[in-house]
Amino acid sequence: MRIRTGDTYDPRVIAMLDHHVATARAQTAPGSAHALDLSGLRAPDIAFWTGWDGETLVAVGALKTLSADHGEVKSMHTLQVARRRGFAGQMLGHLIAEARARGLKRLSLETGSWDYFKPAHALYRAHGFVPCGPFDGYVEDPNSVFLTLDLTGR
Protein backbone atom coordinates (compact mmCIF):
# COMPACT_ATOMS: atom_id res chain seq x y z
CA MET A 1 0.00 0.00 0.00
CA ARG A 2 1.25 3.48 -0.86
CA ILE A 3 0.31 6.12 1.73
CA ARG A 4 0.08 9.76 0.73
CA THR A 5 -1.41 12.98 2.04
CA GLY A 6 -5.16 12.75 1.59
CA ASP A 7 -7.11 14.96 -0.76
CA THR A 8 -10.51 15.59 0.83
CA TYR A 9 -11.76 16.96 -2.51
CA ASP A 10 -11.04 13.76 -4.49
CA PRO A 11 -14.42 12.12 -5.30
CA ARG A 12 -13.04 8.65 -4.40
CA VAL A 13 -11.98 9.93 -0.98
CA ILE A 14 -15.29 11.71 -0.47
CA ALA A 15 -17.19 8.50 -1.30
CA MET A 16 -15.12 6.43 1.16
CA LEU A 17 -15.46 9.02 3.92
CA ASP A 18 -19.21 9.38 3.35
CA HIS A 19 -19.51 5.59 3.64
CA HIS A 20 -17.33 5.57 6.77
CA VAL A 21 -19.42 8.24 8.53
CA ALA A 22 -22.75 6.67 7.49
CA THR A 23 -21.65 3.19 8.57
CA ALA A 24 -20.21 4.36 11.89
CA ARG A 25 -23.37 6.28 12.69
CA ALA A 26 -25.58 3.34 11.68
CA GLN A 27 -23.61 1.04 14.00
CA THR A 28 -23.63 3.38 17.00
CA ALA A 29 -26.34 4.68 19.28
CA PRO A 30 -27.59 8.20 18.49
CA GLY A 31 -25.35 10.80 20.08
CA SER A 32 -22.43 8.38 20.48
CA ALA A 33 -20.92 8.53 16.98
CA HIS A 34 -17.79 10.68 16.79
CA ALA A 35 -16.62 10.06 13.21
CA LEU A 36 -15.43 13.24 11.51
CA ASP A 37 -17.21 14.44 8.40
CA LEU A 38 -15.37 16.16 5.54
CA SER A 39 -15.43 19.59 7.17
CA GLY A 40 -13.96 18.08 10.34
CA LEU A 41 -11.14 16.47 8.38
CA ARG A 42 -10.35 19.81 6.76
CA ALA A 43 -9.69 21.48 10.14
CA PRO A 44 -6.17 22.84 10.71
CA ASP A 45 -5.49 20.48 13.63
CA ILE A 46 -6.06 17.40 11.43
CA ALA A 47 -3.53 15.61 9.23
CA PHE A 48 -5.17 13.17 6.83
CA TRP A 49 -3.74 10.34 4.72
CA THR A 50 -5.01 7.92 2.12
CA GLY A 51 -3.74 4.44 1.31
CA TRP A 52 -3.65 3.17 -2.26
CA ASP A 53 -3.29 -0.32 -3.72
CA GLY A 54 -2.33 0.65 -7.25
CA GLU A 55 -5.03 3.10 -8.31
CA THR A 56 -7.57 1.81 -5.78
CA LEU A 57 -8.21 3.75 -2.58
CA VAL A 58 -8.18 1.12 0.16
CA ALA A 59 -7.71 3.00 3.45
CA VAL A 60 -7.88 6.36 5.16
CA GLY A 61 -6.66 7.63 8.50
CA ALA A 62 -6.19 10.92 10.30
CA LEU A 63 -4.23 12.34 13.19
CA LYS A 64 -5.74 15.11 15.29
CA THR A 65 -3.40 17.22 17.41
CA LEU A 66 -4.98 17.66 20.84
CA SER A 67 -2.00 19.32 22.54
CA ALA A 68 1.76 19.60 22.19
CA ASP A 69 2.17 16.02 23.45
CA HIS A 70 -1.17 14.29 22.79
CA GLY A 71 -2.80 13.22 19.54
CA GLU A 72 -5.91 11.32 18.53
CA VAL A 73 -6.44 8.72 15.81
CA LYS A 74 -9.46 9.71 13.70
CA SER A 75 -11.27 8.41 10.63
CA MET A 76 -9.57 5.02 10.37
CA HIS A 77 -11.37 3.09 7.65
CA THR A 78 -10.48 0.31 5.22
CA LEU A 79 -12.49 -0.56 2.13
CA GLN A 80 -14.63 -3.62 2.94
CA VAL A 81 -13.28 -5.73 0.05
CA ALA A 82 -9.68 -4.85 1.02
CA ARG A 83 -9.92 -5.95 4.65
CA ARG A 84 -7.78 -8.70 6.16
CA ARG A 85 -4.86 -7.77 3.88
CA GLY A 86 -2.89 -5.65 6.36
CA PHE A 87 -3.88 -2.23 5.03
CA ALA A 88 -5.41 -1.05 8.31
CA GLY A 89 -2.29 -2.07 10.21
CA GLN A 90 -0.11 -0.22 7.72
CA MET A 91 -2.21 2.93 8.03
CA LEU A 92 -2.21 2.73 11.83
CA GLY A 93 1.56 2.19 11.79
CA HIS A 94 1.89 5.31 9.64
CA LEU A 95 -0.23 7.36 12.09
CA ILE A 96 1.86 6.13 15.03
CA ALA A 97 5.10 7.00 13.21
CA GLU A 98 3.75 10.46 12.32
CA ALA A 99 2.71 11.07 15.92
CA ARG A 100 6.20 10.16 17.12
CA ALA A 101 7.81 12.32 14.43
CA ARG A 102 5.71 15.25 15.66
CA GLY A 103 6.98 14.75 19.20
CA LEU A 104 3.72 13.49 20.64
CA LYS A 105 4.03 11.41 23.78
CA ARG A 106 0.58 9.87 23.72
CA LEU A 107 -1.85 8.80 21.03
CA SER A 108 -5.46 8.06 21.97
CA LEU A 109 -8.68 7.13 20.24
CA GLU A 110 -12.37 6.58 20.72
CA THR A 111 -14.22 3.82 18.92
CA GLY A 112 -17.53 2.07 19.30
CA SER A 113 -18.17 -0.67 21.85
CA TRP A 114 -20.54 -2.73 19.69
CA ASP A 115 -19.65 -6.01 17.96
CA TYR A 116 -19.20 -4.20 14.63
CA PHE A 117 -16.11 -2.49 16.11
CA LYS A 118 -14.44 -5.64 17.55
CA PRO A 119 -12.00 -5.97 14.62
CA ALA A 120 -10.89 -2.39 15.28
CA HIS A 121 -10.37 -3.17 18.98
CA ALA A 122 -8.15 -6.11 18.03
CA LEU A 123 -6.15 -3.97 15.59
CA TYR A 124 -5.51 -1.23 18.13
CA ARG A 125 -4.59 -3.66 20.91
CA ALA A 126 -2.21 -5.48 18.55
CA HIS A 127 -0.41 -2.15 18.12
CA GLY A 128 -0.07 -1.61 21.87
CA PHE A 129 -3.11 0.52 22.66
CA VAL A 130 -4.57 -0.06 26.12
CA PRO A 131 -7.88 1.02 27.70
CA CYS A 132 -8.05 4.50 29.17
CA GLY A 133 -10.67 6.94 30.33
CA PRO A 134 -12.34 9.61 28.24
CA PHE A 135 -10.06 12.40 27.03
CA ASP A 136 -10.36 15.79 25.32
CA GLY A 137 -14.03 16.43 26.05
CA TYR A 138 -15.32 12.89 25.61
CA VAL A 139 -17.48 11.55 28.43
CA GLU A 140 -18.06 8.07 29.80
CA ASP A 141 -20.40 6.29 27.41
CA PRO A 142 -21.29 2.58 27.29
CA ASN A 143 -21.22 2.89 23.49
CA SER A 144 -17.59 4.05 23.45
CA VAL A 145 -14.24 2.38 24.02
CA PHE A 146 -11.28 4.66 24.81
CA LEU A 147 -7.75 3.48 24.13
CA THR A 148 -4.31 5.08 24.39
CA LEU A 149 -0.72 4.35 23.39
CA ASP A 150 2.35 5.65 25.25
CA LEU A 151 4.75 6.85 22.55
CA THR A 152 7.67 7.52 24.89
CA GLY A 153 8.89 3.93 24.74
CA ARG A 154 8.71 3.44 28.49
C-alpha atoms as a PDB file:
ATOM      1  CA  MET A   1       0.000   0.000   0.000  1.00  0.00           C
ATOM      2  CA  ARG A   2       1.249   3.479  -0.862  1.00  0.00           C
ATOM      3  CA  ILE A   3       0.309   6.117   1.727  1.00  0.00           C
ATOM      4  CA  ARG A   4       0.076   9.760   0.729  1.00  0.00           C
ATOM      5  CA  THR A   5      -1.406  12.979   2.042  1.00  0.00           C
ATOM      6  CA  GLY A   6      -5.158  12.752   1.585  1.00  0.00           C
ATOM      7  CA  ASP A   7      -7.111  14.965  -0.763  1.00  0.00           C
ATOM      8  CA  THR A   8     -10.514  15.586   0.829  1.00  0.00           C
ATOM      9  CA  TYR A   9     -11.756  16.962  -2.513  1.00  0.00           C
ATOM     10  CA  ASP A  10     -11.036  13.763  -4.487  1.00  0.00           C
ATOM     11  CA  PRO A  11     -14.423  12.122  -5.299  1.00  0.00           C
ATOM     12  CA  ARG A  12     -13.043   8.654  -4.396  1.00  0.00           C
ATOM     13  CA  VAL A  13     -11.980   9.931  -0.981  1.00  0.00           C
ATOM     14  CA  ILE A  14     -15.292  11.711  -0.465  1.00  0.00           C
ATOM     15  CA  ALA A  15     -17.186   8.499  -1.301  1.00  0.00           C
ATOM     16  CA  MET A  16     -15.123   6.434   1.159  1.00  0.00           C
ATOM     17  CA  LEU A  17     -15.459   9.018   3.918  1.00  0.00           C
ATOM     18  CA  ASP A  18     -19.209   9.377   3.345  1.00  0.00           C
ATOM     19  CA  HIS A  19     -19.510   5.591   3.637  1.00  0.00           C
ATOM     20  CA  HIS A  20     -17.332   5.575   6.775  1.00  0.00           C
ATOM     21  CA  VAL A  21     -19.421   8.241   8.531  1.00  0.00           C
ATOM     22  CA  ALA A  22     -22.750   6.673   7.486  1.00  0.00           C
ATOM     23  CA  THR A  23     -21.652   3.189   8.567  1.00  0.00           C
ATOM     24  CA  ALA A  24     -20.210   4.364  11.885  1.00  0.00           C
ATOM     25  CA  ARG A  25     -23.374   6.284  12.689  1.00  0.00           C
ATOM     26  CA  ALA A  26     -25.579   3.343  11.677  1.00  0.00           C
ATOM     27  CA  GLN A  27     -23.613   1.038  13.997  1.00  0.00           C
ATOM     28  CA  THR A  28     -23.625   3.382  16.999  1.00  0.00           C
ATOM     29  CA  ALA A  29     -26.341   4.684  19.280  1.00  0.00           C
ATOM     30  CA  PRO A  30     -27.589   8.199  18.487  1.00  0.00           C
ATOM     31  CA  GLY A  31     -25.351  10.799  20.085  1.00  0.00           C
ATOM     32  CA  SER A  32     -22.432   8.377  20.481  1.00  0.00           C
ATOM     33  CA  ALA A  33     -20.916   8.533  16.977  1.00  0.00           C
ATOM     34  CA  HIS A  34     -17.788  10.685  16.788  1.00  0.00           C
ATOM     35  CA  ALA A  35     -16.616  10.061  13.209  1.00  0.00           C
ATOM     36  CA  LEU A  36     -15.426  13.241  11.510  1.00  0.00           C
ATOM     37  CA  ASP A  37     -17.208  14.438   8.399  1.00  0.00           C
ATOM     38  CA  LEU A  38     -15.368  16.163   5.542  1.00  0.00           C
ATOM     39  CA  SER A  39     -15.426  19.591   7.175  1.00  0.00           C
ATOM     40  CA  GLY A  40     -13.962  18.083  10.343  1.00  0.00           C
ATOM     41  CA  LEU A  41     -11.142  16.475   8.382  1.00  0.00           C
ATOM     42  CA  ARG A  42     -10.346  19.810   6.761  1.00  0.00           C
ATOM     43  CA  ALA A  43      -9.694  21.480  10.137  1.00  0.00           C
ATOM     44  CA  PRO A  44      -6.174  22.844  10.706  1.00  0.00           C
ATOM     45  CA  ASP A  45      -5.488  20.483  13.630  1.00  0.00           C
ATOM     46  CA  ILE A  46      -6.063  17.395  11.428  1.00  0.00           C
ATOM     47  CA  ALA A  47      -3.525  15.612   9.232  1.00  0.00           C
ATOM     48  CA  PHE A  48      -5.172  13.170   6.828  1.00  0.00           C
ATOM     49  CA  TRP A  49      -3.737  10.336   4.725  1.00  0.00           C
ATOM     50  CA  THR A  50      -5.006   7.922   2.119  1.00  0.00           C
ATOM     51  CA  GLY A  51      -3.738   4.439   1.312  1.00  0.00           C
ATOM     52  CA  TRP A  52      -3.650   3.166  -2.260  1.00  0.00           C
ATOM     53  CA  ASP A  53      -3.288  -0.318  -3.716  1.00  0.00           C
ATOM     54  CA  GLY A  54      -2.330   0.650  -7.249  1.00  0.00           C
ATOM     55  CA  GLU A  55      -5.027   3.105  -8.311  1.00  0.00           C
ATOM     56  CA  THR A  56      -7.569   1.814  -5.777  1.00  0.00           C
ATOM     57  CA  LEU A  57      -8.207   3.746  -2.583  1.00  0.00           C
ATOM     58  CA  VAL A  58      -8.183   1.118   0.164  1.00  0.00           C
ATOM     59  CA  ALA A  59      -7.709   2.999   3.449  1.00  0.00           C
ATOM     60  CA  VAL A  60      -7.876   6.363   5.164  1.00  0.00           C
ATOM     61  CA  GLY A  61      -6.663   7.631   8.504  1.00  0.00           C
ATOM     62  CA  ALA A  62      -6.193  10.918  10.298  1.00  0.00           C
ATOM     63  CA  LEU A  63      -4.229  12.340  13.192  1.00  0.00           C
ATOM     64  CA  LYS A  64      -5.738  15.113  15.288  1.00  0.00           C
ATOM     65  CA  THR A  65      -3.404  17.217  17.410  1.00  0.00           C
ATOM     66  CA  LEU A  66      -4.983  17.656  20.841  1.00  0.00           C
ATOM     67  CA  SER A  67      -2.001  19.324  22.543  1.00  0.00           C
ATOM     68  CA  ALA A  68       1.765  19.596  22.194  1.00  0.00           C
ATOM     69  CA  ASP A  69       2.168  16.022  23.447  1.00  0.00           C
ATOM     70  CA  HIS A  70      -1.173  14.294  22.787  1.00  0.00           C
ATOM     71  CA  GLY A  71      -2.805  13.217  19.540  1.00  0.00           C
ATOM     72  CA  GLU A  72      -5.913  11.319  18.529  1.00  0.00           C
ATOM     73  CA  VAL A  73      -6.441   8.716  15.811  1.00  0.00           C
ATOM     74  CA  LYS A  74      -9.457   9.710  13.704  1.00  0.00           C
ATOM     75  CA  SER A  75     -11.272   8.410  10.635  1.00  0.00           C
ATOM     76  CA  MET A  76      -9.566   5.018  10.366  1.00  0.00           C
ATOM     77  CA  HIS A  77     -11.372   3.087   7.646  1.00  0.00           C
ATOM     78  CA  THR A  78     -10.483   0.309   5.224  1.00  0.00           C
ATOM     79  CA  LEU A  79     -12.485  -0.560   2.131  1.00  0.00           C
ATOM     80  CA  GLN A  80     -14.634  -3.618   2.941  1.00  0.00           C
ATOM     81  CA  VAL A  81     -13.276  -5.728   0.050  1.00  0.00           C
ATOM     82  CA  ALA A  82      -9.684  -4.848   1.024  1.00  0.00           C
ATOM     83  CA  ARG A  83      -9.922  -5.947   4.653  1.00  0.00           C
ATOM     84  CA  ARG A  84      -7.779  -8.701   6.156  1.00  0.00           C
ATOM     85  CA  ARG A  85      -4.860  -7.766   3.879  1.00  0.00           C
ATOM     86  CA  GLY A  86      -2.895  -5.646   6.359  1.00  0.00           C
ATOM     87  CA  PHE A  87      -3.875  -2.227   5.032  1.00  0.00           C
ATOM     88  CA  ALA A  88      -5.415  -1.049   8.312  1.00  0.00           C
ATOM     89  CA  GLY A  89      -2.286  -2.066  10.211  1.00  0.00           C
ATOM     90  CA  GLN A  90      -0.108  -0.218   7.718  1.00  0.00           C
ATOM     91  CA  MET A  91      -2.214   2.934   8.034  1.00  0.00           C
ATOM     92  CA  LEU A  92      -2.205   2.730  11.834  1.00  0.00           C
ATOM     93  CA  GLY A  93       1.565   2.188  11.791  1.00  0.00           C
ATOM     94  CA  HIS A  94       1.885   5.308   9.644  1.00  0.00           C
ATOM     95  CA  LEU A  95      -0.231   7.357  12.089  1.00  0.00           C
ATOM     96  CA  ILE A  96       1.858   6.134  15.028  1.00  0.00           C
ATOM     97  CA  ALA A  97       5.102   7.001  13.208  1.00  0.00           C
ATOM     98  CA  GLU A  98       3.753  10.457  12.317  1.00  0.00           C
ATOM     99  CA  ALA A  99       2.708  11.067  15.924  1.00  0.00           C
ATOM    100  CA  ARG A 100       6.204  10.165  17.121  1.00  0.00           C
ATOM    101  CA  ALA A 101       7.812  12.325  14.429  1.00  0.00           C
ATOM    102  CA  ARG A 102       5.712  15.250  15.661  1.00  0.00           C
ATOM    103  CA  GLY A 103       6.984  14.749  19.199  1.00  0.00           C
ATOM    104  CA  LEU A 104       3.722  13.487  20.640  1.00  0.00           C
ATOM    105  CA  LYS A 105       4.035  11.414  23.784  1.00  0.00           C
ATOM    106  CA  ARG A 106       0.581   9.867  23.720  1.00  0.00           C
ATOM    107  CA  LEU A 107      -1.849   8.800  21.028  1.00  0.00           C
ATOM    108  CA  SER A 108      -5.456   8.065  21.966  1.00  0.00           C
ATOM    109  CA  LEU A 109      -8.681   7.131  20.237  1.00  0.00           C
ATOM    110  CA  GLU A 110     -12.371   6.584  20.724  1.00  0.00           C
ATOM    111  CA  THR A 111     -14.223   3.823  18.921  1.00  0.00           C
ATOM    112  CA  GLY A 112     -17.531   2.067  19.299  1.00  0.00           C
ATOM    113  CA  SER A 113     -18.169  -0.666  21.851  1.00  0.00           C
ATOM    114  CA  TRP A 114     -20.537  -2.729  19.693  1.00  0.00           C
ATOM    115  CA  ASP A 115     -19.649  -6.005  17.961  1.00  0.00           C
ATOM    116  CA  TYR A 116     -19.196  -4.204  14.627  1.00  0.00           C
ATOM    117  CA  PHE A 117     -16.110  -2.488  16.115  1.00  0.00           C
ATOM    118  CA  LYS A 118     -14.435  -5.639  17.547  1.00  0.00           C
ATOM    119  CA  PRO A 119     -11.996  -5.974  14.618  1.00  0.00           C
ATOM    120  CA  ALA A 120     -10.893  -2.385  15.282  1.00  0.00           C
ATOM    121  CA  HIS A 121     -10.372  -3.168  18.976  1.00  0.00           C
ATOM    122  CA  ALA A 122      -8.153  -6.113  18.027  1.00  0.00           C
ATOM    123  CA  LEU A 123      -6.145  -3.973  15.591  1.00  0.00           C
ATOM    124  CA  TYR A 124      -5.513  -1.229  18.134  1.00  0.00           C
ATOM    125  CA  ARG A 125      -4.591  -3.660  20.907  1.00  0.00           C
ATOM    126  CA  ALA A 126      -2.207  -5.481  18.547  1.00  0.00           C
ATOM    127  CA  HIS A 127      -0.407  -2.154  18.116  1.00  0.00           C
ATOM    128  CA  GLY A 128      -0.074  -1.610  21.872  1.00  0.00           C
ATOM    129  CA  PHE A 129      -3.112   0.521  22.662  1.00  0.00           C
ATOM    130  CA  VAL A 130      -4.571  -0.057  26.121  1.00  0.00           C
ATOM    131  CA  PRO A 131      -7.875   1.016  27.703  1.00  0.00           C
ATOM    132  CA  CYS A 132      -8.050   4.502  29.170  1.00  0.00           C
ATOM    133  CA  GLY A 133     -10.670   6.937  30.334  1.00  0.00           C
ATOM    134  CA  PRO A 134     -12.337   9.606  28.241  1.00  0.00           C
ATOM    135  CA  PHE A 135     -10.064  12.397  27.028  1.00  0.00           C
ATOM    136  CA  ASP A 136     -10.361  15.786  25.320  1.00  0.00           C
ATOM    137  CA  GLY A 137     -14.026  16.426  26.048  1.00  0.00           C
ATOM    138  CA  TYR A 138     -15.324  12.890  25.606  1.00  0.00           C
ATOM    139  CA  VAL A 139     -17.483  11.549  28.427  1.00  0.00           C
ATOM    140  CA  GLU A 140     -18.060   8.065  29.801  1.00  0.00           C
ATOM    141  CA  ASP A 141     -20.402   6.293  27.412  1.00  0.00           C
ATOM    142  CA  PRO A 142     -21.290   2.584  27.294  1.00  0.00           C
ATOM    143  CA  ASN A 143     -21.220   2.895  23.494  1.00  0.00           C
ATOM    144  CA  SER A 144     -17.586   4.049  23.453  1.00  0.00           C
ATOM    145  CA  VAL A 145     -14.238   2.382  24.015  1.00  0.00           C
ATOM    146  CA  PHE A 146     -11.283   4.661  24.811  1.00  0.00           C
ATOM    147  CA  LEU A 147      -7.749   3.481  24.128  1.00  0.00           C
ATOM    148  CA  THR A 148      -4.314   5.079  24.388  1.00  0.00           C
ATOM    149  CA  LEU A 149      -0.722   4.354  23.395  1.00  0.00           C
ATOM    150  CA  ASP A 150       2.345   5.647  25.249  1.00  0.00           C
ATOM    151  CA  LEU A 151       4.751   6.851  22.552  1.00  0.00           C
ATOM    152  CA  THR A 152       7.668   7.520  24.889  1.00  0.00           C
ATOM    153  CA  GLY A 153       8.890   3.927  24.741  1.00  0.00           C
ATOM    154  CA  ARG A 154       8.710   3.440  28.493  1.00  0.00           C
END
